[in-house]
Amino acid sequence: MKDFGLIVLILFVVAILWITAGGGSFKAPSGPQVGQSQESTTTVSESKKEEKPAVILSSGNAGWSDDPNREYIEIQAPSGNKKAVNITGWRLKNKKGEAHLLPPGARLAYSARVNTQENIMLEPGQKAVIISGKSPIGDSFLINICSGYFNQQKEFYPGIYQNCPHPKDEPGAQNQKDACILYLRSLSSCRTPETSLPLELDNDCREFVARRINYAGCVESHRNDADFFGNEWRVYLERNDKIWSNISETIELFDQNSNLAAKISY
């Protein structure tokens, strides 16, 4: 009986020493636990990779136009993109191997002025119309709600939409006298009056027309409007001759790192 008690005492002491030395601590398994697979770990890792914005290339009227000022193709940034695509510095190449660099442009452009140039950023849903010829205003530009005024003095192809605010709706128009309001109602959108103003109009009305009913006045009034800028860039390659074949063509688009971004054939 004494021997049995001694054995129990020895076993108790050994157990205490084993626990104190760390033998009784629990260590989590180093490999995947039950219910966890290597595949789930890989999926999380891949989800952290940055998505490359996509572009869609289309041939526009390149297959039939002979005029470089009317020949164009289009680059579209899908609305599903997560961020803007900087296409300045990208290259277009035809089947002859001729490369054409996409230039910077003016986000807010004026005719007959030196415009500030910046990279052309295609926001999700925006497109760039790439015209082979020369810009009527000297620069590539982003269309805005006032750009229709450009049509009065210059020819654009494709045409620019006439969606300027109507003269009667310009800020301050309703503060004019009745004769002036009637005159403003008679005007067309996106056009500066080219004939002499009626004699019955007072000086306030004449000053209002001179300041507001033109491209610069429209920009001054609306440049902070939420819908001021449109979804279309006009990009000019400034070529004297057409670029794309009317018979058959392969158009390749390369990004700044010379990676093929899009390709079409017809």
C-alpha atoms as a PDB file:
ATOM      1  CA  MET A   1       0.000   0.000   0.000  1.00  0.00           C
ATOM      2  CA  LYS A   2       2.893   2.331   0.821  1.00  0.00           C
ATOM      3  CA  ASP A   3       4.547   1.370  -2.491  1.00  0.00           C
ATOM      4  CA  PHE A   4       1.363   2.279  -4.362  1.00  0.00           C
ATOM      5  CA  GLY A   5       1.242   5.711  -2.713  1.00  0.00           C
ATOM      6  CA  LEU A   6       4.891   6.299  -3.572  1.00  0.00           C
ATOM      7  CA  ILE A   7       4.230   5.455  -7.245  1.00  0.00           C
ATOM      8  CA  VAL A   8       1.296   7.903  -7.358  1.00  0.00           C
ATOM      9  CA  LEU A   9       3.466  10.633  -5.800  1.00  0.00           C
ATOM     10  CA  ILE A  10       6.245  10.067  -8.370  1.00  0.00           C
ATOM     11  CA  LEU A  11       3.795  10.151 -11.284  1.00  0.00           C
ATOM     12  CA  PHE A  12       2.282  13.390  -9.944  1.00  0.00           C
ATOM     13  CA  VAL A  13       5.720  15.088  -9.734  1.00  0.00           C
ATOM     14  CA  VAL A  14       6.644  13.941 -13.279  1.00  0.00           C
ATOM     15  CA  ALA A  15       3.373  15.352 -14.627  1.00  0.00           C
ATOM     16  CA  ILE A  16       4.029  18.734 -12.958  1.00  0.00           C
ATOM     17  CA  LEU A  17       7.553  18.896 -14.400  1.00  0.00           C
ATOM     18  CA  TRP A  18       6.293  17.989 -17.917  1.00  0.00           C
ATOM     19  CA  ILE A  19       3.634  20.743 -17.910  1.00  0.00           C
ATOM     20  CA  THR A  20       6.111  23.310 -16.546  1.00  0.00           C
ATOM     21  CA  ALA A  21       8.569  22.515 -19.361  1.00  0.00           C
ATOM     22  CA  GLY A  22       5.904  23.341 -22.004  1.00  0.00           C
ATOM     23  CA  GLY A  23       4.999  19.852 -22.935  1.00  0.00           C
ATOM     24  CA  GLY A  24       1.360  20.553 -22.169  1.00  0.00           C
ATOM     25  CA  SER A  25       0.944  23.694 -24.266  1.00  0.00           C
ATOM     26  CA  PHE A  26      -1.222  23.521 -27.405  1.00  0.00           C
ATOM     27  CA  LYS A  27       0.299  24.395 -30.765  1.00  0.00           C
ATOM     28  CA  ALA A  28      -1.885  25.121 -33.848  1.00  0.00           C
ATOM     29  CA  PRO A  29      -1.128  22.904 -36.833  1.00  0.00           C
ATOM     30  CA  SER A  30       1.123  24.524 -39.413  1.00  0.00           C
ATOM     31  CA  GLY A  31      -0.743  23.163 -42.460  1.00  0.00           C
ATOM     32  CA  PRO A  32      -4.307  23.941 -43.631  1.00  0.00           C
ATOM     33  CA  GLN A  33      -6.974  23.238 -41.053  1.00  0.00           C
ATOM     34  CA  VAL A  34     -10.012  21.096 -41.632  1.00  0.00           C
ATOM     35  CA  GLY A  35     -12.370  22.906 -44.018  1.00  0.00           C
ATOM     36  CA  GLN A  36      -9.605  25.199 -45.346  1.00  0.00           C
ATOM     37  CA  SER A  37      -8.052  24.518 -48.758  1.00  0.00           C
ATOM     38  CA  GLN A  38      -5.057  25.838 -50.638  1.00  0.00           C
ATOM     39  CA  GLU A  39      -7.453  26.997 -53.368  1.00  0.00           C
ATOM     40  CA  SER A  40      -9.167  29.527 -51.083  1.00  0.00           C
ATOM     41  CA  THR A  41      -5.790  31.015 -50.155  1.00  0.00           C
ATOM     42  CA  THR A  42      -4.859  31.395 -53.845  1.00  0.00           C
ATOM     43  CA  THR A  43      -8.177  33.100 -54.622  1.00  0.00           C
ATOM     44  CA  VAL A  44      -7.610  35.750 -51.943  1.00  0.00           C
ATOM     45  CA  SER A  45      -4.117  36.417 -53.300  1.00  0.00           C
ATOM     46  CA  GLU A  46      -5.377  36.831 -56.871  1.00  0.00           C
ATOM     47  CA  SER A  47      -8.150  39.198 -55.808  1.00  0.00           C
ATOM     48  CA  LYS A  48      -5.531  41.650 -54.587  1.00  0.00           C
ATOM     49  CA  LYS A  49      -4.013  41.963 -58.070  1.00  0.00           C
ATOM     50  CA  GLU A  50      -4.704  45.240 -59.831  1.00  0.00           C
ATOM     51  CA  GLU A  51      -7.199  44.966 -62.676  1.00  0.00           C
ATOM     52  CA  LYS A  52      -5.985  46.334 -66.004  1.00  0.00           C
ATOM     53  CA  PRO A  53      -8.570  48.696 -67.585  1.00  0.00           C
ATOM     54  CA  ALA A  54      -9.922  47.457 -70.900  1.00  0.00           C
ATOM     55  CA  VAL A  55     -10.451  49.365 -74.150  1.00  0.00           C
ATOM     56  CA  ILE A  56     -12.596  48.582 -77.173  1.00  0.00           C
ATOM     57  CA  LEU A  57     -11.297  49.445 -80.640  1.00  0.00           C
ATOM     58  CA  SER A  58     -13.689  50.015 -83.555  1.00  0.00           C
ATOM     59  CA  SER A  59     -13.034  50.927 -87.188  1.00  0.00           C
ATOM     60  CA  GLY A  60     -15.369  53.932 -87.427  1.00  0.00           C
ATOM     61  CA  ASN A  61     -15.451  54.956 -91.095  1.00  0.00           C
ATOM     62  CA  ALA A  62     -11.836  53.977 -91.817  1.00  0.00           C
ATOM     63  CA  GLY A  63     -12.963  51.455 -94.428  1.00  0.00           C
ATOM     64  CA  TRP A  64     -14.463  53.957 -96.851  1.00  0.00           C
ATOM     65  CA  SER A  65     -13.334  57.560 -96.251  1.00  0.00           C
ATOM     66  CA  ASP A  66     -10.622  59.023 -98.517  1.00  0.00           C
ATOM     67  CA  ASP A  67     -10.326  62.361 -96.692  1.00  0.00           C
ATOM     68  CA  PRO A  68      -7.904  62.288 -93.712  1.00  0.00           C
ATOM     69  CA  ASN A  69      -9.953  65.055 -92.060  1.00  0.00           C
ATOM     70  CA  ARG A  70     -12.991  62.764 -92.168  1.00  0.00           C
ATOM     71  CA  GLU A  71     -11.311  59.405 -91.622  1.00  0.00           C
ATOM     72  CA  TYR A  72     -11.677  58.198 -88.045  1.00  0.00           C
ATOM     73  CA  ILE A  73     -11.639  55.178 -85.752  1.00  0.00           C
ATOM     74  CA  GLU A  74     -12.820  54.959 -82.131  1.00  0.00           C
ATOM     75  CA  ILE A  75     -11.398  53.831 -78.796  1.00  0.00           C
ATOM     76  CA  GLN A  76     -13.968  53.143 -76.067  1.00  0.00           C
ATOM     77  CA  ALA A  77     -13.402  52.710 -72.339  1.00  0.00           C
ATOM     78  CA  PRO A  78     -16.113  50.278 -71.138  1.00  0.00           C
ATOM     79  CA  SER A  79     -18.384  51.556 -68.383  1.00  0.00           C
ATOM     80  CA  GLY A  80     -17.308  48.562 -66.277  1.00  0.00           C
ATOM     81  CA  ASN A  81     -13.747  49.843 -65.927  1.00  0.00           C
ATOM     82  CA  LYS A  82     -12.720  50.729 -62.372  1.00  0.00           C
ATOM     83  CA  LYS A  83     -10.546  53.714 -63.314  1.00  0.00           C
ATOM     84  CA  ALA A  84      -9.628  56.029 -66.178  1.00  0.00           C
ATOM     85  CA  VAL A  85      -7.317  54.895 -69.000  1.00  0.00           C
ATOM     86  CA  ASN A  86      -4.496  57.245 -69.997  1.00  0.00           C
ATOM     87  CA  ILE A  87      -4.198  56.788 -73.782  1.00  0.00           C
ATOM     88  CA  THR A  88      -1.698  59.592 -74.426  1.00  0.00           C
ATOM     89  CA  GLY A  89       1.476  58.001 -75.750  1.00  0.00           C
ATOM     90  CA  TRP A  90      -0.320  54.892 -77.013  1.00  0.00           C
ATOM     91  CA  ARG A  91       0.427  53.875 -80.620  1.00  0.00           C
ATOM     92  CA  LEU A  92      -1.846  52.901 -83.476  1.00  0.00           C
ATOM     93  CA  LYS A  93      -0.327  50.720 -86.187  1.00  0.00           C
ATOM     94  CA  ASN A  94      -1.686  49.847 -89.631  1.00  0.00           C
ATOM     95  CA  LYS A  95      -0.923  46.769 -91.742  1.00  0.00           C
ATOM     96  CA  LYS A  96       2.002  48.587 -93.394  1.00  0.00           C
ATOM     97  CA  GLY A  97       3.668  48.835 -89.996  1.00  0.00           C
ATOM     98  CA  GLU A  98       3.225  52.617 -89.820  1.00  0.00           C
ATOM     99  CA  ALA A  99       2.850  53.777 -86.202  1.00  0.00           C
ATOM    100  CA  HIS A 100       0.960  56.874 -85.084  1.00  0.00           C
ATOM    101  CA  LEU A 101       1.307  58.267 -81.563  1.00  0.00           C
ATOM    102  CA  LEU A 102      -1.793  59.427 -79.677  1.00  0.00           C
ATOM    103  CA  PRO A 103      -1.159  63.030 -78.556  1.00  0.00           C
ATOM    104  CA  PRO A 104      -2.183  64.917 -75.414  1.00  0.00           C
ATOM    105  CA  GLY A 105      -5.229  67.179 -75.581  1.00  0.00           C
ATOM    106  CA  ALA A 106      -7.001  70.136 -74.001  1.00  0.00           C
ATOM    107  CA  ARG A 107      -9.655  69.207 -71.481  1.00  0.00           C
ATOM    108  CA  LEU A 108     -11.092  72.723 -71.800  1.00  0.00           C
ATOM    109  CA  ALA A 109     -10.321  74.013 -75.290  1.00  0.00           C
ATOM    110  CA  TYR A 110     -10.822  77.401 -76.930  1.00  0.00           C
ATOM    111  CA  SER A 111     -10.567  78.181 -80.614  1.00  0.00           C
ATOM    112  CA  ALA A 112      -7.748  80.514 -81.709  1.00  0.00           C
ATOM    113  CA  ARG A 113      -6.042  80.318 -78.301  1.00  0.00           C
ATOM    114  CA  VAL A 114      -3.067  78.489 -76.847  1.00  0.00           C
ATOM    115  CA  ASN A 115      -4.685  75.707 -74.842  1.00  0.00           C
ATOM    116  CA  THR A 116      -3.246  73.871 -71.845  1.00  0.00           C
ATOM    117  CA  GLN A 117      -2.347  70.311 -72.842  1.00  0.00           C
ATOM    118  CA  GLU A 118      -2.775  67.267 -70.612  1.00  0.00           C
ATOM    119  CA  ASN A 119      -2.946  63.505 -70.877  1.00  0.00           C
ATOM    120  CA  ILE A 120      -6.128  62.188 -72.433  1.00  0.00           C
ATOM    121  CA  MET A 121      -7.827  60.171 -69.714  1.00  0.00           C
ATOM    122  CA  LEU A 122     -10.751  58.024 -70.827  1.00  0.00           C
ATOM    123  CA  GLU A 123     -13.097  57.719 -67.874  1.00  0.00           C
ATOM    124  CA  PRO A 124     -15.319  54.608 -67.737  1.00  0.00           C
ATOM    125  CA  GLY A 125     -17.922  55.018 -70.479  1.00  0.00           C
ATOM    126  CA  GLN A 126     -15.981  57.679 -72.422  1.00  0.00           C
ATOM    127  CA  LYS A 127     -14.685  57.294 -75.957  1.00  0.00           C
ATOM    128  CA  ALA A 128     -12.071  58.932 -78.156  1.00  0.00           C
ATOM    129  CA  VAL A 129     -12.783  59.600 -81.825  1.00  0.00           C
ATOM    130  CA  ILE A 130      -9.364  59.370 -83.493  1.00  0.00           C
ATOM    131  CA  ILE A 131      -9.352  61.526 -86.637  1.00  0.00           C
ATOM    132  CA  SER A 132      -6.429  61.042 -89.024  1.00  0.00           C
ATOM    133  CA  GLY A 133      -6.299  64.677 -90.149  1.00  0.00           C
ATOM    134  CA  LYS A 134      -5.905  68.101 -88.560  1.00  0.00           C
ATOM    135  CA  SER A 135      -7.894  69.709 -85.764  1.00  0.00           C
ATOM    136  CA  PRO A 136     -10.098  72.643 -86.874  1.00  0.00           C
ATOM    137  CA  ILE A 137      -9.175  74.445 -83.622  1.00  0.00           C
ATOM    138  CA  GLY A 138      -5.541  73.326 -83.524  1.00  0.00           C
ATOM    139  CA  ASP A 139      -5.777  70.824 -80.656  1.00  0.00           C
ATOM    140  CA  SER A 140      -7.344  67.567 -79.561  1.00  0.00           C
ATOM    141  CA  PHE A 141     -10.089  68.310 -77.038  1.00  0.00           C
ATOM    142  CA  LEU A 142     -12.851  67.008 -74.798  1.00  0.00           C
ATOM    143  CA  ILE A 143     -16.323  67.982 -75.976  1.00  0.00           C
ATOM    144  CA  ASN A 144     -18.357  70.056 -73.527  1.00  0.00           C
ATOM    145  CA  ILE A 145     -21.871  71.446 -73.414  1.00  0.00           C
ATOM    146  CA  CYS A 146     -20.747  74.630 -75.206  1.00  0.00           C
ATOM    147  CA  SER A 147     -18.713  72.987 -77.992  1.00  0.00           C
ATOM    148  CA  GLY A 148     -21.586  73.334 -80.461  1.00  0.00           C
ATOM    149  CA  TYR A 149     -20.544  76.978 -80.920  1.00  0.00           C
ATOM    150  CA  PHE A 150     -17.442  75.690 -82.760  1.00  0.00           C
ATOM    151  CA  ASN A 151     -19.675  74.530 -85.629  1.00  0.00           C
ATOM    152  CA  GLN A 152     -20.512  78.113 -86.548  1.00  0.00           C
ATOM    153  CA  GLN A 153     -17.013  78.894 -87.844  1.00  0.00           C
ATOM    154  CA  LYS A 154     -15.387  75.462 -88.287  1.00  0.00           C
ATOM    155  CA  GLU A 155     -16.290  72.171 -89.908  1.00  0.00           C
ATOM    156  CA  PHE A 156     -16.053  69.038 -87.772  1.00  0.00           C
ATOM    157  CA  TYR A 157     -16.444  65.449 -88.784  1.00  0.00           C
ATOM    158  CA  PRO A 158     -18.199  63.721 -87.177  1.00  0.00           C
ATOM    159  CA  GLY A 159     -20.319  66.766 -86.393  1.00  0.00           C
ATOM    160  CA  ILE A 160     -20.501  68.144 -82.853  1.00  0.00           C
ATOM    161  CA  TYR A 161     -23.916  67.974 -81.210  1.00  0.00           C
ATOM    162  CA  GLN A 162     -25.806  71.256 -80.890  1.00  0.00           C
ATOM    163  CA  ASN A 163     -26.754  70.928 -77.211  1.00  0.00           C
ATOM    164  CA  CYS A 164     -25.701  74.322 -75.833  1.00  0.00           C
ATOM    165  CA  PRO A 165     -28.002  76.013 -73.303  1.00  0.00           C
ATOM    166  CA  HIS A 166     -30.502  78.230 -75.142  1.00  0.00           C
ATOM    167  CA  PRO A 167     -29.787  82.004 -74.992  1.00  0.00           C
ATOM    168  CA  LYS A 168     -33.077  82.643 -73.187  1.00  0.00           C
ATOM    169  CA  ASP A 169     -31.980  80.262 -70.418  1.00  0.00           C
ATOM    170  CA  GLU A 170     -28.578  81.833 -69.798  1.00  0.00           C
ATOM    171  CA  PRO A 171     -28.059  83.269 -66.289  1.00  0.00           C
ATOM    172  CA  GLY A 172     -29.403  86.839 -66.181  1.00  0.00           C
ATOM    173  CA  ALA A 173     -31.591  86.540 -69.285  1.00  0.00           C
ATOM    174  CA  GLN A 174     -34.824  86.834 -67.323  1.00  0.00           C
ATOM    175  CA  ASN A 175     -33.600  90.083 -65.754  1.00  0.00           C
ATOM    176  CA  GLN A 176     -33.610  91.807 -69.149  1.00  0.00           C
ATOM    177  CA  LYS A 177     -36.444  93.943 -70.498  1.00  0.00           C
ATOM    178  CA  ASP A 178     -39.262  92.343 -72.475  1.00  0.00           C
ATOM    179  CA  ALA A 179     -37.857  93.370 -75.862  1.00  0.00           C
ATOM    180  CA  CYS A 180     -34.545  91.692 -75.011  1.00  0.00           C
ATOM    181  CA  ILE A 181     -36.221  88.533 -73.712  1.00  0.00           C
ATOM    182  CA  LEU A 182     -38.251  88.248 -76.934  1.00  0.00           C
ATOM    183  CA  TYR A 183     -35.073  88.674 -78.970  1.00  0.00           C
ATOM    184  CA  LEU A 184     -33.224  86.000 -76.984  1.00  0.00           C
ATOM    185  CA  ARG A 185     -36.131  83.608 -77.542  1.00  0.00           C
ATOM    186  CA  SER A 186     -35.788  84.107 -81.296  1.00  0.00           C
ATOM    187  CA  LEU A 187     -32.141  82.994 -81.340  1.00  0.00           C
ATOM    188  CA  SER A 188     -30.865  79.473 -81.976  1.00  0.00           C
ATOM    189  CA  SER A 189     -28.734  77.468 -79.569  1.00  0.00           C
ATOM    190  CA  CYS A 190     -24.973  77.347 -80.174  1.00  0.00           C
ATOM    191  CA  ARG A 191     -24.946  80.385 -82.471  1.00  0.00           C
ATOM    192  CA  THR A 192     -23.608  83.885 -81.914  1.00  0.00           C
ATOM    193  CA  PRO A 193     -25.759  86.541 -83.672  1.00  0.00           C
ATOM    194  CA  GLU A 194     -24.057  87.500 -86.935  1.00  0.00           C
ATOM    195  CA  THR A 195     -26.362  90.344 -87.933  1.00  0.00           C
ATOM    196  CA  SER A 196     -26.878  93.722 -86.311  1.00  0.00           C
ATOM    197  CA  LEU A 197     -29.065  93.654 -83.224  1.00  0.00           C
ATOM    198  CA  PRO A 198     -32.514  95.275 -83.485  1.00  0.00           C
ATOM    199  CA  LEU A 199     -32.537  99.006 -82.749  1.00  0.00           C
ATOM    200  CA  GLU A 200     -35.097  98.666 -79.947  1.00  0.00           C
ATOM    201  CA  LEU A 201     -32.669  96.737 -77.757  1.00  0.00           C
ATOM    202  CA  ASP A 202     -31.092  98.783 -74.974  1.00  0.00           C
ATOM    203  CA  ASN A 203     -27.425  98.832 -74.009  1.00  0.00           C
ATOM    204  CA  ASP A 204     -27.892  96.299 -71.191  1.00  0.00           C
ATOM    205  CA  CYS A 205     -29.298  93.789 -73.660  1.00  0.00           C
ATOM    206  CA  ARG A 206     -26.527  94.447 -76.184  1.00  0.00           C
ATOM    207  CA  GLU A 207     -23.903  93.936 -73.497  1.00  0.00           C
ATOM    208  CA  PHE A 208     -25.579  90.721 -72.348  1.00  0.00           C
ATOM    209  CA  VAL A 209     -25.602  89.314 -75.895  1.00  0.00           C
ATOM    210  CA  ALA A 210     -21.979  90.277 -76.507  1.00  0.00           C
ATOM    211  CA  ARG A 211     -20.823  88.687 -73.259  1.00  0.00           C
ATOM    212  CA  ARG A 212     -23.010  85.604 -72.969  1.00  0.00           C
ATOM    213  CA  ILE A 213     -24.161  84.419 -76.392  1.00  0.00           C
ATOM    214  CA  ASN A 214     -20.896  82.892 -77.611  1.00  0.00           C
ATOM    215  CA  TYR A 215     -18.561  80.028 -76.715  1.00  0.00           C
ATOM    216  CA  ALA A 216     -16.488  81.916 -74.127  1.00  0.00           C
ATOM    217  CA  GLY A 217     -19.602  83.295 -72.424  1.00  0.00           C
ATOM    218  CA  CYS A 218     -21.214  79.866 -72.373  1.00  0.00           C
ATOM    219  CA  VAL A 219     -18.095  78.379 -70.753  1.00  0.00           C
ATOM    220  CA  GLU A 220     -17.992  81.177 -68.180  1.00  0.00           C
ATOM    221  CA  SER A 221     -21.602  80.496 -67.215  1.00  0.00           C
ATOM    222  CA  HIS A 222     -21.568  76.701 -67.209  1.00  0.00           C
ATOM    223  CA  ARG A 223     -18.058  75.342 -66.633  1.00  0.00           C
ATOM    224  CA  ASN A 224     -18.974  74.381 -63.055  1.00  0.00           C
ATOM    225  CA  ASP A 225     -22.178  72.596 -64.049  1.00  0.00           C
ATOM    226  CA  ALA A 226     -22.223  68.867 -63.260  1.00  0.00           C
ATOM    227  CA  ASP A 227     -22.976  67.998 -66.902  1.00  0.00           C
ATOM    228  CA  PHE A 228     -20.557  70.492 -68.486  1.00  0.00           C
ATOM    229  CA  PHE A 229     -18.070  67.975 -69.872  1.00  0.00           C
ATOM    230  CA  GLY A 230     -19.232  65.332 -72.322  1.00  0.00           C
ATOM    231  CA  ASN A 231     -18.176  61.709 -72.803  1.00  0.00           C
ATOM    232  CA  GLU A 232     -16.242  62.147 -76.041  1.00  0.00           C
ATOM    233  CA  TRP A 233     -12.710  63.251 -76.863  1.00  0.00           C
ATOM    234  CA  ARG A 234     -11.765  64.395 -80.357  1.00  0.00           C
ATOM    235  CA  VAL A 235      -8.177  63.285 -80.986  1.00  0.00           C
ATOM    236  CA  TYR A 236      -6.309  64.432 -84.104  1.00  0.00           C
ATOM    237  CA  LEU A 237      -3.269  62.672 -85.549  1.00  0.00           C
ATOM    238  CA  GLU A 238      -2.484  65.692 -87.788  1.00  0.00           C
ATOM    239  CA  ARG A 239      -1.776  63.614 -90.905  1.00  0.00           C
ATOM    240  CA  ASN A 240      -1.962  64.938 -94.469  1.00  0.00           C
ATOM    241  CA  ASP A 241      -2.878  61.557 -95.945  1.00  0.00           C
ATOM    242  CA  LYS A 242      -5.304  58.821 -94.965  1.00  0.00           C
ATOM    243  CA  ILE A 243      -3.925  56.101 -92.696  1.00  0.00           C
ATOM    244  CA  TRP A 244      -6.245  53.124 -93.069  1.00  0.00           C
ATOM    245  CA  SER A 245      -6.893  51.044 -96.195  1.00  0.00           C
ATOM    246  CA  ASN A 246     -10.371  51.065 -97.741  1.00  0.00           C
ATOM    247  CA  ILE A 247      -9.995  47.449 -98.890  1.00  0.00           C
ATOM    248  CA  SER A 248      -8.633  45.483 -95.932  1.00  0.00           C
ATOM    249  CA  GLU A 249      -6.824  46.590 -92.819  1.00  0.00           C
ATOM    250  CA  THR A 250      -5.475  45.417 -89.488  1.00  0.00           C
ATOM    251  CA  ILE A 251      -5.505  48.081 -86.792  1.00  0.00           C
ATOM    252  CA  GLU A 252      -3.416  47.460 -83.687  1.00  0.00           C
ATOM    253  CA  LEU A 253      -3.384  49.567 -80.536  1.00  0.00           C
ATOM    254  CA  PHE A 254      -0.358  49.423 -78.220  1.00  0.00           C
ATOM    255  CA  ASP A 255      -0.117  50.991 -74.766  1.00  0.00           C
ATOM    256  CA  GLN A 256       2.791  53.029 -73.345  1.00  0.00           C
ATOM    257  CA  ASN A 257       4.647  49.799 -72.512  1.00  0.00           C
ATOM    258  CA  SER A 258       4.263  48.467 -76.083  1.00  0.00           C
ATOM    259  CA  ASN A 259       1.714  45.868 -74.946  1.00  0.00           C
ATOM    260  CA  LEU A 260      -1.023  45.051 -77.454  1.00  0.00           C
ATOM    261  CA  ALA A 261      -4.201  46.575 -75.972  1.00  0.00           C
ATOM    262  CA  ALA A 262      -6.620  45.895 -78.826  1.00  0.00           C
ATOM    263  CA  LYS A 263      -6.675  44.679 -82.419  1.00  0.00           C
ATOM    264  CA  ILE A 264      -9.294  44.593 -85.189  1.00  0.00           C
ATOM    265  CA  SER A 265      -9.326  43.628 -88.843  1.00  0.00           C
ATOM    266  CA  TYR A 266     -11.691  44.218 -91.722  1.00  0.00           C
END
